[in-house]
Amino acid sequence: MTRFEYQIVAYPMDQKTSLIEMQEDLNLRGNQGWEVVSVSTSEFAHLGHTAFLKREIADLVEGDQTS
């Protein structure tokens, strides 16, 4: 069964995050296997942007019973 983990990243406007900085950060996360699922403008990020990411979790090694 395919399993995923998720990450939520806020880019608040009060930190004056430019679109280039946001792009660089998302590219870095993409290199780590994260995929952007959605981006929204929201008050949660102080009227900035919130990105929702996911990446596949590797299958458990046989005998590993961690849940």
N, C-alpha and C. Protein backbone atom coordinates (compact mmCIF):
# COMPACT_ATOMS: atom_id res chain seq x y z
N MET A 1 0.84 -1.18 0.00
CA MET A 1 0.00 0.00 0.00
C MET A 1 0.89 1.24 0.00
N THR A 2 0.55 2.19 -0.84
CA THR A 2 1.30 3.44 -0.89
C THR A 2 0.90 4.31 0.30
N ARG A 3 1.91 4.84 0.99
CA ARG A 3 1.67 5.72 2.13
C ARG A 3 2.36 7.05 1.88
N PHE A 4 1.80 8.12 2.44
CA PHE A 4 2.34 9.46 2.26
C PHE A 4 2.52 10.15 3.60
N GLU A 5 3.41 11.12 3.62
CA GLU A 5 3.50 12.05 4.74
C GLU A 5 3.27 13.43 4.16
N TYR A 6 2.83 14.34 5.01
CA TYR A 6 2.43 15.67 4.55
C TYR A 6 3.17 16.75 5.32
N GLN A 7 3.28 17.90 4.68
CA GLN A 7 3.95 19.04 5.29
C GLN A 7 3.17 20.29 4.88
N ILE A 8 2.98 21.21 5.82
CA ILE A 8 2.32 22.49 5.54
C ILE A 8 3.35 23.58 5.80
N VAL A 9 3.56 24.43 4.80
CA VAL A 9 4.57 25.48 4.90
C VAL A 9 3.89 26.82 4.68
N ALA A 10 4.07 27.75 5.62
CA ALA A 10 3.50 29.09 5.51
C ALA A 10 4.57 30.07 5.06
N TYR A 11 4.18 30.94 4.16
CA TYR A 11 5.04 32.03 3.68
C TYR A 11 4.31 33.34 3.97
N PRO A 12 4.42 33.82 5.21
CA PRO A 12 3.69 35.04 5.60
C PRO A 12 4.24 36.29 4.92
N MET A 13 3.34 37.20 4.61
CA MET A 13 3.74 38.46 3.98
C MET A 13 4.50 39.34 4.95
N ASP A 14 4.29 39.19 6.25
CA ASP A 14 4.97 40.05 7.21
C ASP A 14 6.48 39.78 7.24
N GLN A 15 6.91 38.66 6.68
CA GLN A 15 8.34 38.40 6.58
C GLN A 15 8.87 38.85 5.22
N LYS A 16 7.98 39.44 4.42
CA LYS A 16 8.33 39.95 3.10
C LYS A 16 9.02 38.88 2.24
N THR A 17 8.47 37.69 2.30
CA THR A 17 8.99 36.59 1.48
C THR A 17 8.65 36.87 0.03
N SER A 18 9.66 36.96 -0.80
CA SER A 18 9.42 37.21 -2.21
C SER A 18 9.04 35.91 -2.90
N LEU A 19 8.43 36.03 -4.07
CA LEU A 19 8.07 34.84 -4.83
C LEU A 19 9.31 34.04 -5.23
N ILE A 20 10.42 34.71 -5.47
CA ILE A 20 11.66 34.01 -5.81
C ILE A 20 12.14 33.18 -4.62
N GLU A 21 12.09 33.74 -3.40
CA GLU A 21 12.49 33.00 -2.20
C GLU A 21 11.57 31.80 -1.98
N MET A 22 10.26 32.01 -2.21
CA MET A 22 9.29 30.93 -2.07
C MET A 22 9.60 29.83 -3.08
N GLN A 23 9.88 30.22 -4.32
CA GLN A 23 10.22 29.25 -5.37
C GLN A 23 11.48 28.47 -5.01
N GLU A 24 12.50 29.17 -4.52
CA GLU A 24 13.75 28.50 -4.14
C GLU A 24 13.51 27.49 -3.01
N ASP A 25 12.68 27.87 -2.03
CA ASP A 25 12.38 26.98 -0.92
C ASP A 25 11.61 25.75 -1.40
N LEU A 26 10.61 25.96 -2.28
CA LEU A 26 9.84 24.83 -2.79
C LEU A 26 10.70 23.93 -3.66
N ASN A 27 11.63 24.50 -4.43
CA ASN A 27 12.55 23.67 -5.22
C ASN A 27 13.45 22.82 -4.32
N LEU A 28 13.92 23.39 -3.23
CA LEU A 28 14.72 22.65 -2.26
C LEU A 28 13.93 21.48 -1.69
N ARG A 29 12.68 21.75 -1.31
CA ARG A 29 11.83 20.69 -0.78
C ARG A 29 11.53 19.64 -1.87
N GLY A 30 11.37 20.09 -3.11
CA GLY A 30 11.15 19.16 -4.22
C GLY A 30 12.33 18.22 -4.39
N ASN A 31 13.54 18.73 -4.21
CA ASN A 31 14.74 17.89 -4.29
C ASN A 31 14.78 16.85 -3.16
N GLN A 32 14.04 17.11 -2.09
CA GLN A 32 13.96 16.17 -0.96
C GLN A 32 12.78 15.21 -1.12
N GLY A 33 12.10 15.29 -2.27
CA GLY A 33 11.01 14.37 -2.56
C GLY A 33 9.61 14.90 -2.30
N TRP A 34 9.51 16.16 -1.85
CA TRP A 34 8.20 16.74 -1.57
C TRP A 34 7.56 17.24 -2.86
N GLU A 35 6.24 17.07 -2.97
CA GLU A 35 5.47 17.53 -4.12
C GLU A 35 4.41 18.50 -3.62
N VAL A 36 4.29 19.66 -4.28
CA VAL A 36 3.26 20.62 -3.90
C VAL A 36 1.91 20.08 -4.36
N VAL A 37 0.98 20.00 -3.42
CA VAL A 37 -0.37 19.53 -3.72
C VAL A 37 -1.27 20.72 -3.97
N SER A 38 -1.07 21.79 -3.19
CA SER A 38 -1.93 22.96 -3.28
C SER A 38 -1.22 24.16 -2.65
N VAL A 39 -1.57 25.35 -3.13
CA VAL A 39 -1.11 26.60 -2.53
C VAL A 39 -2.33 27.49 -2.38
N SER A 40 -2.46 28.10 -1.21
CA SER A 40 -3.59 29.00 -1.00
C SER A 40 -3.11 30.30 -0.37
N THR A 41 -3.88 31.32 -0.60
CA THR A 41 -3.67 32.59 0.08
C THR A 41 -4.59 32.57 1.28
N SER A 42 -4.04 32.84 2.45
CA SER A 42 -4.88 32.70 3.64
C SER A 42 -4.45 33.62 4.76
N GLU A 43 -5.38 33.85 5.66
CA GLU A 43 -5.08 34.62 6.86
C GLU A 43 -4.22 33.81 7.81
N PHE A 44 -4.25 32.48 7.69
CA PHE A 44 -3.41 31.62 8.52
C PHE A 44 -1.94 32.02 8.38
N ALA A 45 -1.56 32.46 7.19
CA ALA A 45 -0.18 32.87 6.93
C ALA A 45 -0.07 34.40 6.95
N HIS A 46 -0.90 35.04 7.76
CA HIS A 46 -0.90 36.51 7.85
C HIS A 46 -1.03 37.13 6.46
N LEU A 47 -2.04 36.68 5.73
CA LEU A 47 -2.31 37.15 4.37
C LEU A 47 -1.16 36.84 3.42
N GLY A 48 -0.51 35.76 3.66
CA GLY A 48 0.55 35.28 2.78
C GLY A 48 0.08 34.05 2.04
N HIS A 49 0.99 33.14 1.80
CA HIS A 49 0.68 31.91 1.08
C HIS A 49 0.96 30.72 1.98
N THR A 50 0.14 29.70 1.84
CA THR A 50 0.35 28.44 2.53
C THR A 50 0.45 27.35 1.48
N ALA A 51 1.52 26.56 1.53
CA ALA A 51 1.72 25.47 0.58
C ALA A 51 1.52 24.14 1.31
N PHE A 52 0.83 23.24 0.65
CA PHE A 52 0.58 21.90 1.19
C PHE A 52 1.36 20.93 0.32
N LEU A 53 2.21 20.13 0.96
CA LEU A 53 3.08 19.21 0.23
C LEU A 53 2.88 17.78 0.71
N LYS A 54 3.26 16.84 -0.15
CA LYS A 54 3.23 15.43 0.25
C LYS A 54 4.41 14.72 -0.38
N ARG A 55 4.81 13.60 0.23
CA ARG A 55 5.80 12.72 -0.38
C ARG A 55 5.52 11.30 0.07
N GLU A 56 5.88 10.38 -0.79
CA GLU A 56 5.65 8.97 -0.51
C GLU A 56 6.61 8.49 0.56
N ILE A 57 6.09 7.66 1.46
CA ILE A 57 6.91 7.05 2.49
C ILE A 57 7.35 5.69 1.96
N ALA A 58 8.63 5.41 2.07
CA ALA A 58 9.16 4.13 1.61
C ALA A 58 8.49 2.99 2.34
N ASP A 59 8.34 1.86 1.65
CA ASP A 59 7.76 0.67 2.27
C ASP A 59 8.57 0.27 3.48
N LEU A 60 7.89 -0.29 4.47
CA LEU A 60 8.57 -0.78 5.66
C LEU A 60 9.49 -1.95 5.29
N VAL A 61 10.62 -2.00 5.93
CA VAL A 61 11.54 -3.12 5.75
C VAL A 61 10.88 -4.35 6.38
N GLU A 62 11.00 -5.49 5.72
CA GLU A 62 10.40 -6.70 6.24
C GLU A 62 10.88 -6.96 7.67
N GLY A 63 9.93 -7.23 8.55
CA GLY A 63 10.25 -7.46 9.95
C GLY A 63 10.12 -6.21 10.79
N ASP A 64 10.02 -5.03 10.17
CA ASP A 64 9.86 -3.78 10.90
C ASP A 64 8.38 -3.63 11.25
N GLN A 65 8.05 -3.63 12.50
CA GLN A 65 6.67 -3.58 12.94
C GLN A 65 6.28 -2.17 13.42
N THR A 66 7.08 -1.15 13.10
CA THR A 66 6.80 0.21 13.55
C THR A 66 5.55 0.73 12.85
N SER A 67 4.64 1.36 13.60
CA SER A 67 3.43 1.91 12.99
C SER A 67 3.34 3.39 13.28
